[in-house]
Amino acid sequence: MRYRNLADTEIQVSEIGFGVWTISTGWWGEVDDERSVRLLRRAFEKGINYFDTADTYGSGKGETLLADAFGGMRDEVVISTKIGYDFYNHTARRGQQERPQDWSEDFIRFALERCLKRLGTDYIDFLQLHNTKMNAVENDGLFELMDEFKGEGKIRSYGVALGPKIGWLGEGVKAMRVRDLAGVQMIYNLLEQDPGRDLIEAARETNTSLVVRVPHSSGMLEGKYTEETTFAKNDHRRHRPKEWLLDGLKKVEQLGFLTESGERTLGQAALKFVLSAPEISSALPNISPLRYRTSTMTNNSTSSQRPPTPPTSRRKSSPASRTSTRTTSASSPPGGERWLRPRANNRPPRRRASRRST
């Protein structure tokens, strides 16, 4: 496994991260907590140290799964979560319909404290504002609050996640240009390169890191779909039109040159494409227990050798490069004291000068 810096922070994340939504939302088939915890630990053993979740994933389940999986080893993993949706007062939801967002100081403070409690920790490495629209990007008070959280030691860095669907170019570019972000999460892959290309350019100009979700285009770039492929009743892809599958297969046929040498799978080529941009710190392939049983974890790797121990989340990184190849050396109730142990350095990393125009 290789590791890259998150912008100019001291946080190093594995190039392959684990998006916890696949094992906490029920949108990828049946979920089993014990099996999910085993999978998270297996990912860590493979060298993955970056785990991305959100407070809305399973109404907090994604965060409690991380607490169960990594109790007693908080400094060895990098945790990012997201806040902004008020699922506490708006529990009813139809499909993937968006819930109301609340960017008020009272709610954001409340949401952060609940995240910390569910994670069983006193700090979050990378806090993202979940699916920010332009009204949030332009909210000076919201980002002043993020800086306050850093000063209080509750977060080490912050950014925005764009979504829920692909797009939001204006929001992403403006956020990178006028806010002091460590990172932006976006959708980007071989089949869906826009607006990712423009966001990469903005990230290069502002020294912002990018985290990419859906690098395999919802499984299309794993090379396993056929015209007869069907999805489980509780799999969100089941509700997509048949044209999505057929059109995607036609596009995949044009990518045969990527695998004709036999040196890599289509899934590996898809990840190499994403990670060819140095502005992208980590890619989040969809990992689930069912997919793991079909060797998805192995296909995401480019080596059969035993991976090195990932760097601790507080290891000081080299400022010379965003990429590092250096090697370094059961379940309990969420909200416990397992991770609440003294840290070597409780002060947040040095903050960059504000990008906000005056």
Protein backbone atom coordinates (compact mmCIF):
# COMPACT_ATOMS: atom_id res chain seq x y z
CA MET A 1 0.00 0.00 0.00
CA ARG A 2 1.11 3.53 -0.70
CA TYR A 3 0.12 6.61 1.29
CA ARG A 4 -0.47 10.22 0.31
CA ASN A 5 -0.73 13.39 2.34
CA LEU A 6 -4.05 15.13 2.79
CA ALA A 7 -3.15 18.57 1.37
CA ASP A 8 -0.44 20.16 3.55
CA THR A 9 -1.58 18.51 6.77
CA GLU A 10 0.41 15.84 8.57
CA ILE A 11 -2.33 13.31 7.80
CA GLN A 12 -1.33 10.39 5.57
CA VAL A 13 -4.08 8.32 3.99
CA SER A 14 -3.84 5.06 2.08
CA GLU A 15 -4.30 5.41 -1.67
CA ILE A 16 -7.11 2.89 -1.35
CA GLY A 17 -9.60 3.86 1.34
CA PHE A 18 -12.70 2.14 2.69
CA GLY A 19 -16.06 3.84 2.13
CA VAL A 20 -18.14 2.55 5.00
CA TRP A 21 -21.49 3.26 3.32
CA THR A 22 -21.43 -0.17 1.63
CA ILE A 23 -21.59 -1.97 4.97
CA SER A 24 -23.83 0.39 6.91
CA THR A 25 -26.66 1.60 4.68
CA GLY A 26 -28.23 -1.58 3.35
CA TRP A 27 -28.05 -0.22 -0.22
CA TRP A 28 -25.63 -2.94 -1.29
CA GLY A 29 -27.60 -5.93 -0.07
CA GLU A 30 -27.91 -7.43 3.39
CA VAL A 31 -25.53 -6.18 6.06
CA ASP A 32 -24.26 -8.12 9.03
CA ASP A 33 -22.45 -6.17 11.74
CA GLU A 34 -20.05 -8.90 12.82
CA ARG A 35 -19.07 -9.66 9.26
CA SER A 36 -18.67 -5.94 8.54
CA VAL A 37 -16.34 -5.48 11.52
CA ARG A 38 -14.23 -8.42 10.33
CA LEU A 39 -14.03 -6.86 6.88
CA LEU A 40 -12.92 -3.50 8.27
CA ARG A 41 -10.17 -5.19 10.25
CA ARG A 42 -9.13 -7.25 7.23
CA ALA A 43 -8.86 -4.05 5.19
CA PHE A 44 -6.56 -2.59 7.85
CA GLU A 45 -4.41 -5.72 7.72
CA LYS A 46 -4.11 -5.19 3.95
CA GLY A 47 -2.68 -1.71 4.54
CA ILE A 48 -5.82 0.45 4.37
CA ASN A 49 -5.69 3.10 7.08
CA TYR A 50 -8.31 5.55 5.74
CA PHE A 51 -11.97 4.93 6.57
CA ASP A 52 -14.67 7.30 5.32
CA THR A 53 -18.19 7.39 6.73
CA ALA A 54 -21.01 9.87 7.46
CA ASP A 55 -23.40 10.39 10.32
CA THR A 56 -26.30 9.52 8.00
CA TYR A 57 -24.88 6.14 6.97
CA GLY A 58 -27.27 3.78 8.69
CA SER A 59 -28.26 6.67 10.99
CA GLY A 60 -24.91 6.44 12.76
CA LYS A 61 -24.19 2.75 12.16
CA GLY A 62 -21.16 3.49 9.99
CA GLU A 63 -19.55 5.32 12.89
CA THR A 64 -20.34 2.69 15.51
CA LEU A 65 -18.98 -0.03 13.22
CA LEU A 66 -15.66 1.83 13.09
CA ALA A 67 -15.65 2.12 16.88
CA ASP A 68 -16.25 -1.61 17.17
CA ALA A 69 -13.60 -2.48 14.60
CA PHE A 70 -10.76 -0.27 15.83
CA GLY A 71 -11.21 0.10 19.55
CA GLY A 72 -7.86 0.62 21.26
CA MET A 73 -6.01 1.58 18.07
CA ARG A 74 -7.38 5.04 17.29
CA ASP A 75 -4.01 6.57 16.38
CA GLU A 76 -3.41 3.87 13.76
CA VAL A 77 -6.36 4.78 11.56
CA VAL A 78 -7.55 7.93 9.80
CA ILE A 79 -11.26 8.58 10.24
CA SER A 80 -13.34 10.94 8.15
CA THR A 81 -17.03 11.52 8.62
CA LYS A 82 -19.63 13.94 7.29
CA ILE A 83 -22.31 16.14 8.84
CA GLY A 84 -25.01 18.52 7.66
CA TYR A 85 -28.16 16.47 7.17
CA ASP A 86 -30.77 16.61 9.94
CA PHE A 87 -31.76 12.95 10.13
CA TYR A 88 -32.45 13.34 13.85
CA ASN A 89 -35.67 15.28 13.29
CA HIS A 90 -36.46 13.96 9.81
CA THR A 91 -36.35 10.20 10.11
CA ALA A 92 -38.74 9.33 7.30
CA ARG A 93 -37.10 8.88 3.92
CA ARG A 94 -38.19 7.46 0.59
CA GLY A 95 -35.39 5.65 -1.23
CA GLN A 96 -32.37 7.92 -1.55
CA GLN A 97 -34.34 11.13 -1.25
CA GLU A 98 -32.32 13.90 0.42
CA ARG A 99 -33.22 14.96 3.94
CA PRO A 100 -33.20 18.65 4.97
CA GLN A 101 -29.82 20.18 5.74
CA ASP A 102 -29.10 22.45 8.69
CA TRP A 103 -25.95 24.57 8.71
CA SER A 104 -26.74 26.52 11.88
CA GLU A 105 -24.05 26.63 14.57
CA ASP A 106 -26.26 24.91 17.12
CA PHE A 107 -27.02 21.98 14.84
CA ILE A 108 -23.49 21.56 13.49
CA ARG A 109 -22.06 21.53 17.03
CA PHE A 110 -24.70 19.03 18.08
CA ALA A 111 -24.01 16.82 15.04
CA LEU A 112 -20.25 16.84 15.63
CA GLU A 113 -20.63 15.88 19.29
CA ARG A 114 -22.89 12.97 18.33
CA CYS A 115 -20.33 11.79 15.78
CA LEU A 116 -17.56 11.87 18.37
CA LYS A 117 -19.70 9.90 20.80
CA ARG A 118 -20.63 7.22 18.26
CA LEU A 119 -17.01 6.91 17.13
CA GLY A 120 -15.84 6.69 20.72
CA THR A 121 -13.13 9.27 20.14
CA ASP A 122 -12.32 12.87 21.04
CA TYR A 123 -11.19 13.96 17.58
CA ILE A 124 -11.93 13.40 13.90
CA ASP A 125 -9.10 13.47 11.38
CA PHE A 126 -11.08 14.87 8.44
CA LEU A 127 -14.57 16.33 8.88
CA GLN A 128 -16.58 16.93 5.71
CA LEU A 129 -19.65 19.07 5.20
CA HIS A 130 -22.01 16.64 3.53
CA ASN A 131 -23.18 17.50 0.00
CA THR A 132 -22.74 21.23 0.37
CA LYS A 133 -24.79 23.46 -1.89
CA MET A 134 -23.77 27.02 -2.76
CA ASN A 135 -25.60 28.51 0.23
CA ALA A 136 -23.31 26.52 2.51
CA VAL A 137 -20.15 27.31 0.54
CA GLU A 138 -20.94 31.03 0.86
CA ASN A 139 -21.71 30.80 4.61
CA ASP A 140 -18.77 32.54 6.30
CA GLY A 141 -19.98 31.60 9.76
CA LEU A 142 -20.01 27.91 8.89
CA PHE A 143 -16.35 27.86 7.97
CA GLU A 144 -15.39 30.05 10.91
CA LEU A 145 -17.03 27.33 13.01
CA MET A 146 -14.85 24.69 11.30
CA ASP A 147 -11.78 26.69 12.31
CA GLU A 148 -13.10 26.83 15.86
CA PHE A 149 -13.42 23.04 15.90
CA LYS A 150 -9.77 22.79 14.80
CA GLY A 151 -8.72 25.18 17.54
CA GLU A 152 -10.64 23.10 20.08
CA GLY A 153 -8.82 19.95 18.92
CA LYS A 154 -12.06 18.23 17.88
CA ILE A 155 -11.05 17.96 14.23
CA ARG A 156 -7.66 17.92 12.54
CA SER A 157 -8.86 19.13 9.13
CA TYR A 158 -12.04 19.78 7.21
CA GLY A 159 -13.46 19.83 3.70
CA VAL A 160 -16.61 19.32 1.67
CA ALA A 161 -18.19 16.30 0.01
CA LEU A 162 -19.93 17.07 -3.29
CA GLY A 163 -23.16 15.31 -4.14
CA PRO A 164 -25.31 13.40 -3.76
CA LYS A 165 -24.98 12.76 -7.51
CA ILE A 166 -22.12 13.64 -9.81
CA GLY A 167 -21.72 17.33 -10.56
CA TRP A 168 -21.52 20.45 -8.37
CA LEU A 169 -18.57 21.95 -10.23
CA GLY A 170 -19.35 25.52 -9.18
CA GLU A 171 -19.65 24.59 -5.53
CA GLY A 172 -16.45 22.56 -5.55
CA VAL A 173 -14.33 25.15 -7.33
CA LYS A 174 -15.56 28.05 -5.22
CA ALA A 175 -15.07 26.12 -1.99
CA MET A 176 -11.47 25.33 -2.93
CA ARG A 177 -10.73 28.90 -3.96
CA VAL A 178 -12.25 30.80 -1.00
CA ARG A 179 -12.19 28.31 1.88
CA ASP A 180 -9.28 26.74 3.75
CA LEU A 181 -10.11 23.17 2.81
CA ALA A 182 -7.87 20.16 3.25
CA GLY A 183 -9.95 18.10 0.85
CA VAL A 184 -12.96 17.69 -1.40
CA GLN A 185 -14.75 14.42 -2.07
CA MET A 186 -16.15 13.85 -5.55
CA ILE A 187 -17.27 11.22 -8.05
CA TYR A 188 -14.69 10.47 -10.74
CA ASN A 189 -13.86 7.44 -12.86
CA LEU A 190 -12.96 6.31 -16.36
CA LEU A 191 -16.57 6.53 -17.52
CA GLU A 192 -17.48 9.72 -15.64
CA GLN A 193 -14.59 12.15 -15.99
CA ASP A 194 -16.51 15.41 -15.78
CA PRO A 195 -16.65 17.62 -13.81
CA GLY A 196 -13.78 15.77 -12.14
CA ARG A 197 -11.19 17.06 -14.57
CA ASP A 198 -12.02 20.67 -13.77
CA LEU A 199 -12.08 19.92 -10.05
CA ILE A 200 -8.62 18.34 -10.33
CA GLU A 201 -7.35 21.52 -11.99
CA ALA A 202 -8.79 23.65 -9.19
CA ALA A 203 -7.26 21.32 -6.59
CA ARG A 204 -3.87 21.67 -8.25
CA GLU A 205 -4.08 25.46 -8.15
CA THR A 206 -5.18 25.62 -4.51
CA ASN A 207 -3.17 22.72 -3.02
CA THR A 208 -6.37 20.92 -2.04
CA SER A 209 -6.55 17.14 -1.88
CA LEU A 210 -9.32 15.14 -3.51
CA VAL A 211 -10.98 11.95 -2.34
CA VAL A 212 -12.73 9.97 -5.07
CA ARG A 213 -15.77 7.81 -4.53
CA VAL A 214 -17.38 5.49 -7.11
CA PRO A 215 -14.02 4.86 -8.88
CA HIS A 216 -15.55 1.74 -10.46
CA SER A 217 -18.71 3.51 -11.66
CA SER A 218 -21.01 1.54 -9.34
CA GLY A 219 -19.33 -1.73 -10.30
CA MET A 220 -19.39 -1.19 -14.06
CA LEU A 221 -15.59 -1.01 -14.19
CA GLU A 222 -15.05 -4.25 -12.31
CA GLY A 223 -15.59 -6.18 -15.53
CA LYS A 224 -18.18 -8.55 -14.08
CA TYR A 225 -21.47 -7.23 -15.48
CA THR A 226 -23.28 -8.82 -18.41
CA GLU A 227 -26.58 -7.99 -20.12
CA GLU A 228 -28.20 -10.56 -17.81
CA THR A 229 -26.84 -9.08 -14.58
CA THR A 230 -29.52 -8.50 -11.94
CA PHE A 231 -29.27 -6.96 -8.49
CA ALA A 232 -30.77 -7.91 -5.15
CA LYS A 233 -34.06 -6.33 -4.14
CA ASN A 234 -32.34 -4.09 -1.56
CA ASP A 235 -29.46 -3.11 -3.87
CA HIS A 236 -29.80 0.51 -5.01
CA ARG A 237 -28.62 -0.40 -8.52
CA ARG A 238 -31.75 -2.48 -9.00
CA HIS A 239 -33.74 0.72 -9.41
CA ARG A 240 -31.65 2.02 -12.29
CA PRO A 241 -33.05 1.73 -15.81
CA LYS A 242 -31.86 -1.17 -17.95
CA GLU A 243 -30.30 1.37 -20.31
CA TRP A 244 -27.75 2.24 -17.61
CA LEU A 245 -26.45 -1.32 -17.69
CA LEU A 246 -26.53 -1.71 -21.48
CA ASP A 247 -24.95 1.66 -22.23
CA GLY A 248 -22.28 1.06 -19.62
CA LEU A 249 -21.36 -2.31 -21.10
CA LYS A 250 -20.89 -0.71 -24.51
CA LYS A 251 -18.49 1.82 -23.00
CA VAL A 252 -16.59 -0.89 -21.13
CA GLU A 253 -16.07 -2.78 -24.41
CA GLN A 254 -13.95 0.13 -25.62
CA LEU A 255 -11.58 -0.29 -22.66
CA GLY A 256 -10.29 -3.71 -23.62
CA PHE A 257 -6.84 -2.31 -24.40
CA LEU A 258 -6.35 -1.70 -20.68
CA THR A 259 -6.38 -5.41 -19.86
CA GLU A 260 -5.25 -7.15 -23.05
CA SER A 261 -1.71 -7.61 -21.70
CA GLY A 262 -3.05 -9.69 -18.84
CA GLU A 263 -1.02 -7.68 -16.34
CA ARG A 264 -4.03 -6.08 -14.64
CA THR A 265 -7.76 -6.45 -14.24
CA LEU A 266 -10.20 -3.79 -15.39
CA GLY A 267 -10.84 -2.95 -11.73
CA GLN A 268 -7.13 -2.37 -11.13
CA ALA A 269 -6.86 -0.25 -14.27
CA ALA A 270 -9.76 1.87 -13.07
CA LEU A 271 -7.99 2.57 -9.78
CA LYS A 272 -4.68 3.31 -11.50
CA PHE A 273 -6.47 5.85 -13.70
CA VAL A 274 -7.92 7.65 -10.69
CA LEU A 275 -4.66 7.63 -8.75
CA SER A 276 -2.62 8.87 -11.71
CA ALA A 277 -3.62 12.39 -10.59
CA PRO A 278 -1.36 13.43 -7.67
CA GLU A 279 -4.11 15.74 -6.43
CA ILE A 280 -6.18 12.66 -5.54
CA SER A 281 -5.14 11.39 -2.13
CA SER A 282 -7.39 8.34 -1.92
CA ALA A 283 -9.94 6.35 -3.90
CA LEU A 284 -12.87 4.63 -2.21
CA PRO A 285 -13.87 1.48 -4.11
CA ASN A 286 -17.12 -0.14 -3.04
CA ILE A 287 -16.16 -2.90 -0.61
CA SER A 288 -18.77 -5.15 0.96
CA PRO A 289 -18.76 -8.63 2.55
CA LEU A 290 -20.35 -10.21 -0.54
CA ARG A 291 -17.87 -8.53 -2.87
CA TYR A 292 -14.99 -9.51 -0.59
CA ARG A 293 -15.97 -13.15 -0.89
CA THR A 294 -15.53 -12.75 -4.65
CA SER A 295 -11.97 -11.40 -4.19
CA THR A 296 -12.76 -7.71 -4.57
CA MET A 297 -10.14 -6.84 -1.95
CA THR A 298 -7.52 -8.75 -3.90
CA ASN A 299 -8.52 -7.14 -7.19
CA ASN A 300 -8.04 -3.70 -5.65
CA SER A 301 -4.44 -4.60 -4.91
CA THR A 302 -1.54 -4.48 -7.33
CA SER A 303 0.68 -6.83 -5.35
CA SER A 304 0.33 -10.23 -3.71
CA GLN A 305 2.96 -9.42 -1.10
CA ARG A 306 2.01 -8.86 2.50
CA PRO A 307 1.38 -5.12 2.93
CA PRO A 308 3.40 -2.98 5.33
CA THR A 309 1.90 -1.64 8.52
CA PRO A 310 0.21 1.66 7.63
CA PRO A 311 1.53 4.88 9.15
CA THR A 312 -0.15 6.05 12.31
CA SER A 313 -2.63 8.85 11.83
CA ARG A 314 -0.32 11.19 13.73
CA ARG A 315 2.93 10.35 11.97
CA LYS A 316 4.64 13.47 10.68
CA SER A 317 4.86 13.31 6.90
CA SER A 318 7.51 14.56 4.56
CA PRO A 319 6.66 17.93 3.00
CA ALA A 320 8.53 17.03 -0.16
CA SER A 321 5.83 14.87 -1.68
CA ARG A 322 2.19 13.96 -1.29
CA THR A 323 3.01 10.29 -1.83
CA SER A 324 4.85 8.10 0.64
CA THR A 325 6.01 4.50 0.38
CA ARG A 326 7.66 4.43 3.78
CA THR A 327 6.61 1.58 6.07
CA THR A 328 5.93 2.25 9.72
CA SER A 329 5.38 0.47 12.17
CA ALA A 330 -14.08 -7.31 19.51
CA SER A 331 -16.80 -5.36 19.69
CA SER A 332 -17.85 -3.15 22.64
CA PRO A 333 -20.51 -0.47 23.21
CA PRO A 334 -20.13 2.68 21.10
CA GLY A 335 -19.35 5.87 22.96
CA GLY A 336 -17.05 4.13 25.44
CA GLU A 337 -13.65 5.19 26.68
CA ARG A 338 -11.60 2.87 24.50
CA TRP A 339 -10.18 5.57 22.23
CA LEU A 340 -10.09 8.38 24.75
CA ARG A 341 -6.42 8.11 25.62
CA PRO A 342 -3.85 10.95 25.63
CA ARG A 343 -2.38 11.84 22.29
CA ALA A 344 1.24 12.71 21.62
CA ASN A 345 0.25 16.11 20.29
CA ASN A 346 -3.20 17.45 21.06
CA ARG A 347 -2.65 20.65 19.12
CA PRO A 348 -4.17 20.79 15.63
CA PRO A 349 -1.76 21.11 12.70
CA ARG A 350 -0.72 24.54 11.49
CA ARG A 351 -3.46 26.25 9.53
CA ARG A 352 -2.89 27.73 6.13
CA ALA A 353 -3.63 31.37 5.54
CA SER A 354 -7.28 31.92 4.71
CA ARG A 355 -8.14 31.87 1.02
CA ARG A 356 -11.19 34.02 1.55
CA SER A 357 -11.08 37.13 -0.59
CA THR A 358 -11.35 40.46 1.16
